[in-house]
Amino acid sequence: MTNKRHLFVTGIGTGIGKTLVSAILIEKLKADYWKPVQSGDLDNSDSLSIKNLISNTESVIHPETYRLTQPFSPHKSAAIDGIMIDPGKFALPETNNTLIIEGAGGLMVPLNNQFLMIDLIKQLNAEVILISQNYLGSINHTLLSVYALKQYGIPVKGIIFNGVKDSYSTDFILEYSGVESLGHLPEISIVDKKSIAEAGNFINL
């Protein structure tokens, strides 16, 4: 494991398994975790979910920069909370460990009226791990995400496919995009510390 890697976990959409994959990566790499923006139920935040799913004692969960109370896109949640997200306030946590950074939603989610999630990734100088799922339309969503990252000059470490397998979709996405597969995660029926630790065997990183 190389120290001080910054790996940004994003997905081709919402509800694609970013937190699940982040937990698996953190446990596998014994990495640190940071969620820059949390929108929604703060009593059941992604940071708390990660804490409850990892077993190792080396990983540090760093505090969010923004904790928003409403379950909407960050720019709307921030407006309802009476604040504006300031890109200048995002600073990478100090750590000598690999850092897993989890986004909110997909790449083009607005943090304010001029600043998108993809802008934050670029600002943080992070390498992206893209989470994909096989469903009708996922080829389009995955390739558009890869295209946007390439347009921004953001390096893509690879794609992790989460859930039901479809070799037609997976093979086409990898061949057309030229992005490496980091593995395929089968559906996990019971999500707990044991299954999270075991799932690391499906990821090549």
Protein backbone atom coordinates (compact mmCIF):
# COMPACT_ATOMS: atom_id res chain seq x y z
CA MET A 1 0.00 0.00 0.00
CA THR A 2 1.32 3.43 -0.98
CA ASN A 3 0.72 6.09 1.64
CA LYS A 4 -0.97 9.43 0.98
CA ARG A 5 -3.11 8.30 -1.93
CA HIS A 6 -6.31 10.30 -2.29
CA LEU A 7 -9.01 8.11 -3.84
CA PHE A 8 -12.37 9.74 -4.53
CA VAL A 9 -15.29 7.32 -4.64
CA THR A 10 -18.08 8.54 -6.89
CA GLY A 11 -20.90 6.82 -8.72
CA ILE A 12 -22.81 6.94 -11.97
CA GLY A 13 -25.87 8.03 -9.99
CA THR A 14 -27.45 8.17 -6.56
CA GLY A 15 -28.00 4.98 -4.54
CA ILE A 16 -25.31 3.15 -6.48
CA GLY A 17 -23.40 1.79 -3.48
CA LYS A 18 -20.74 4.43 -2.79
CA THR A 19 -20.83 4.03 0.99
CA LEU A 20 -20.80 0.24 0.77
CA VAL A 21 -17.81 0.27 -1.57
CA SER A 22 -16.08 2.93 0.54
CA ALA A 23 -16.40 0.71 3.61
CA ILE A 24 -14.96 -2.26 1.71
CA LEU A 25 -12.04 -0.19 0.43
CA ILE A 26 -11.34 1.27 3.87
CA GLU A 27 -11.31 -2.17 5.47
CA LYS A 28 -9.20 -3.69 2.69
CA LEU A 29 -6.63 -0.87 2.65
CA LYS A 30 -6.98 0.12 6.32
CA ALA A 31 -7.47 3.60 4.88
CA ASP A 32 -8.89 6.79 6.36
CA TYR A 33 -12.33 8.13 5.36
CA TRP A 34 -13.67 11.58 4.62
CA LYS A 35 -17.12 12.64 3.44
CA PRO A 36 -16.77 16.34 2.52
CA VAL A 37 -20.53 16.98 2.31
CA GLN A 38 -23.26 15.07 4.14
CA SER A 39 -26.85 15.86 3.17
CA GLY A 40 -29.78 14.41 5.09
CA ASP A 41 -30.24 12.34 8.25
CA LEU A 42 -27.22 13.36 10.33
CA ASP A 43 -28.05 10.74 12.96
CA ASN A 44 -27.52 8.07 10.30
CA SER A 45 -24.76 9.70 8.28
CA ASP A 46 -22.41 7.90 5.92
CA SER A 47 -19.55 8.53 8.34
CA LEU A 48 -21.47 6.70 11.08
CA SER A 49 -22.30 3.87 8.68
CA ILE A 50 -18.61 3.50 7.84
CA LYS A 51 -17.70 3.46 11.54
CA ASN A 52 -20.17 0.63 12.13
CA LEU A 53 -19.01 -1.44 9.16
CA ILE A 54 -15.23 -1.50 9.52
CA SER A 55 -13.31 -3.77 11.87
CA ASN A 56 -9.75 -2.45 11.82
CA THR A 57 -8.44 0.01 14.39
CA GLU A 58 -6.11 1.94 12.09
CA SER A 59 -8.64 3.82 9.99
CA VAL A 60 -9.58 7.35 11.03
CA ILE A 61 -12.96 8.83 10.08
CA HIS A 62 -12.44 12.54 9.52
CA PRO A 63 -15.25 15.04 10.16
CA GLU A 64 -17.35 16.37 7.31
CA THR A 65 -16.73 19.93 6.10
CA TYR A 66 -20.47 20.50 5.67
CA ARG A 67 -23.27 18.71 7.54
CA LEU A 68 -26.59 19.58 5.91
CA THR A 69 -29.91 18.62 7.47
CA GLN A 70 -32.03 18.11 4.36
CA PRO A 71 -31.98 15.02 2.04
CA PHE A 72 -31.62 16.95 -1.21
CA SER A 73 -28.79 17.95 -3.52
CA PRO A 74 -26.17 19.87 -1.52
CA HIS A 75 -26.94 23.27 -3.06
CA LYS A 76 -30.64 22.95 -2.16
CA SER A 77 -29.94 21.49 1.29
CA ALA A 78 -27.49 24.29 2.02
CA ALA A 79 -29.98 26.94 0.89
CA ILE A 80 -32.68 25.51 3.17
CA ASP A 81 -30.17 25.48 6.04
CA GLY A 82 -29.39 29.13 5.31
CA ILE A 83 -25.79 28.68 4.22
CA MET A 84 -23.78 28.67 1.02
CA ILE A 85 -21.14 26.03 0.38
CA ASP A 86 -17.77 27.74 -0.03
CA PRO A 87 -15.28 25.75 -2.17
CA GLY A 88 -12.43 27.43 -0.32
CA LYS A 89 -13.38 25.68 2.92
CA PHE A 90 -12.61 22.20 1.60
CA ALA A 91 -9.21 21.07 2.80
CA LEU A 92 -7.87 17.53 2.71
CA PRO A 93 -7.59 16.07 6.22
CA GLU A 94 -4.04 15.70 7.47
CA THR A 95 -3.05 12.04 7.36
CA ASN A 96 -0.15 9.87 6.25
CA ASN A 97 -2.60 7.14 5.35
CA THR A 98 -4.48 6.43 2.14
CA LEU A 99 -7.62 8.58 2.17
CA ILE A 100 -10.94 7.40 0.79
CA ILE A 101 -13.11 10.41 -0.07
CA GLU A 102 -16.80 9.77 -0.70
CA GLY A 103 -18.84 12.13 -2.82
CA ALA A 104 -22.54 12.95 -2.59
CA GLY A 105 -24.56 11.77 -5.57
CA GLY A 106 -22.90 11.80 -8.98
CA LEU A 107 -20.32 13.97 -10.68
CA MET A 108 -22.58 16.81 -11.81
CA VAL A 109 -24.32 17.33 -8.46
CA PRO A 110 -24.21 21.05 -7.58
CA LEU A 111 -22.56 22.16 -4.34
CA ASN A 112 -23.53 25.75 -5.08
CA ASN A 113 -24.80 27.50 -8.20
CA GLN A 114 -21.35 27.54 -9.83
CA PHE A 115 -19.49 24.61 -8.26
CA LEU A 116 -20.15 20.93 -8.97
CA MET A 117 -18.95 17.73 -7.30
CA ILE A 118 -16.60 17.17 -10.24
CA ASP A 119 -15.09 20.60 -9.56
CA LEU A 120 -14.39 19.51 -5.99
CA ILE A 121 -12.67 16.33 -7.19
CA LYS A 122 -10.47 18.42 -9.48
CA GLN A 123 -9.71 20.88 -6.68
CA LEU A 124 -8.69 18.07 -4.31
CA ASN A 125 -6.38 16.57 -6.95
CA ALA A 126 -7.81 13.13 -6.24
CA GLU A 127 -7.88 9.97 -8.33
CA VAL A 128 -11.36 8.59 -9.00
CA ILE A 129 -12.83 5.17 -8.37
CA LEU A 130 -16.11 5.07 -10.27
CA ILE A 131 -18.93 2.83 -9.01
CA SER A 132 -21.19 1.38 -11.69
CA GLN A 133 -24.19 -0.93 -11.61
CA ASN A 134 -25.74 -2.96 -14.38
CA TYR A 135 -29.24 -1.65 -15.14
CA LEU A 136 -31.00 -0.41 -18.26
CA GLY A 137 -29.23 2.86 -19.06
CA SER A 138 -26.08 2.16 -17.04
CA ILE A 139 -23.84 1.95 -20.10
CA ASN A 140 -24.84 5.49 -21.01
CA HIS A 141 -24.47 6.77 -17.45
CA THR A 142 -21.09 5.10 -16.97
CA LEU A 143 -19.61 6.29 -20.26
CA LEU A 144 -20.89 9.84 -19.70
CA SER A 145 -19.25 9.84 -16.26
CA VAL A 146 -15.94 8.62 -17.68
CA TYR A 147 -16.17 11.19 -20.48
CA ALA A 148 -16.77 14.03 -18.00
CA LEU A 149 -13.80 12.95 -15.87
CA LYS A 150 -11.54 12.83 -18.91
CA GLN A 151 -12.74 16.27 -20.04
CA TYR A 152 -11.76 17.63 -16.63
CA GLY A 153 -8.39 15.92 -16.78
CA ILE A 154 -9.17 13.88 -13.68
CA PRO A 155 -7.36 10.52 -13.46
CA VAL A 156 -9.61 7.47 -13.18
CA LYS A 157 -8.12 4.63 -11.15
CA GLY A 158 -10.80 2.26 -12.38
CA ILE A 159 -14.40 1.11 -12.25
CA ILE A 160 -15.94 -1.16 -9.62
CA PHE A 161 -19.10 -2.91 -10.75
CA ASN A 162 -21.57 -3.41 -7.93
CA GLY A 163 -24.44 -5.91 -7.96
CA VAL A 164 -25.88 -8.12 -10.68
CA LYS A 165 -23.44 -9.13 -13.40
CA ASP A 166 -24.04 -8.37 -17.08
CA SER A 167 -21.01 -9.21 -19.19
CA TYR A 168 -22.47 -7.46 -22.26
CA SER A 169 -22.56 -4.14 -20.39
CA THR A 170 -19.33 -4.62 -18.47
CA ASP A 171 -17.26 -5.74 -21.45
CA PHE A 172 -18.53 -2.88 -23.63
CA ILE A 173 -17.93 -0.23 -20.96
CA LEU A 174 -14.37 -1.37 -20.34
CA GLU A 175 -13.46 -1.75 -24.01
CA TYR A 176 -15.02 1.53 -25.12
CA SER A 177 -13.78 3.65 -22.21
CA GLY A 178 -10.34 2.09 -21.86
CA VAL A 179 -10.75 2.27 -18.08
CA GLU A 180 -9.54 -0.61 -15.93
CA SER A 181 -11.92 -2.83 -13.96
CA LEU A 182 -11.09 -2.95 -10.27
CA GLY A 183 -13.47 -5.84 -9.73
CA HIS A 184 -17.09 -6.86 -9.43
CA LEU A 185 -18.92 -6.97 -6.11
CA PRO A 186 -21.71 -9.52 -5.92
CA GLU A 187 -24.89 -8.59 -4.11
CA ILE A 188 -24.34 -8.71 -0.34
CA SER A 189 -27.42 -10.08 1.41
CA ILE A 190 -26.30 -9.21 4.95
CA VAL A 191 -24.17 -6.09 5.26
CA ASP A 192 -22.07 -6.31 8.40
CA LYS A 193 -18.43 -6.18 9.46
CA LYS A 194 -17.81 -9.77 8.39
CA SER A 195 -19.28 -9.41 4.89
CA ILE A 196 -17.50 -6.06 4.39
CA ALA A 197 -14.15 -7.63 5.26
CA GLU A 198 -14.79 -10.62 3.00
CA ALA A 199 -15.92 -8.44 0.09
CA GLY A 200 -12.44 -6.94 -0.16
CA ASN A 201 -11.38 -10.15 -1.91
CA PHE A 202 -13.44 -9.11 -4.94
CA ILE A 203 -11.58 -5.81 -5.41
CA ASN A 204 -8.20 -5.56 -7.14
CA LEU A 205 -6.51 -2.57 -5.59
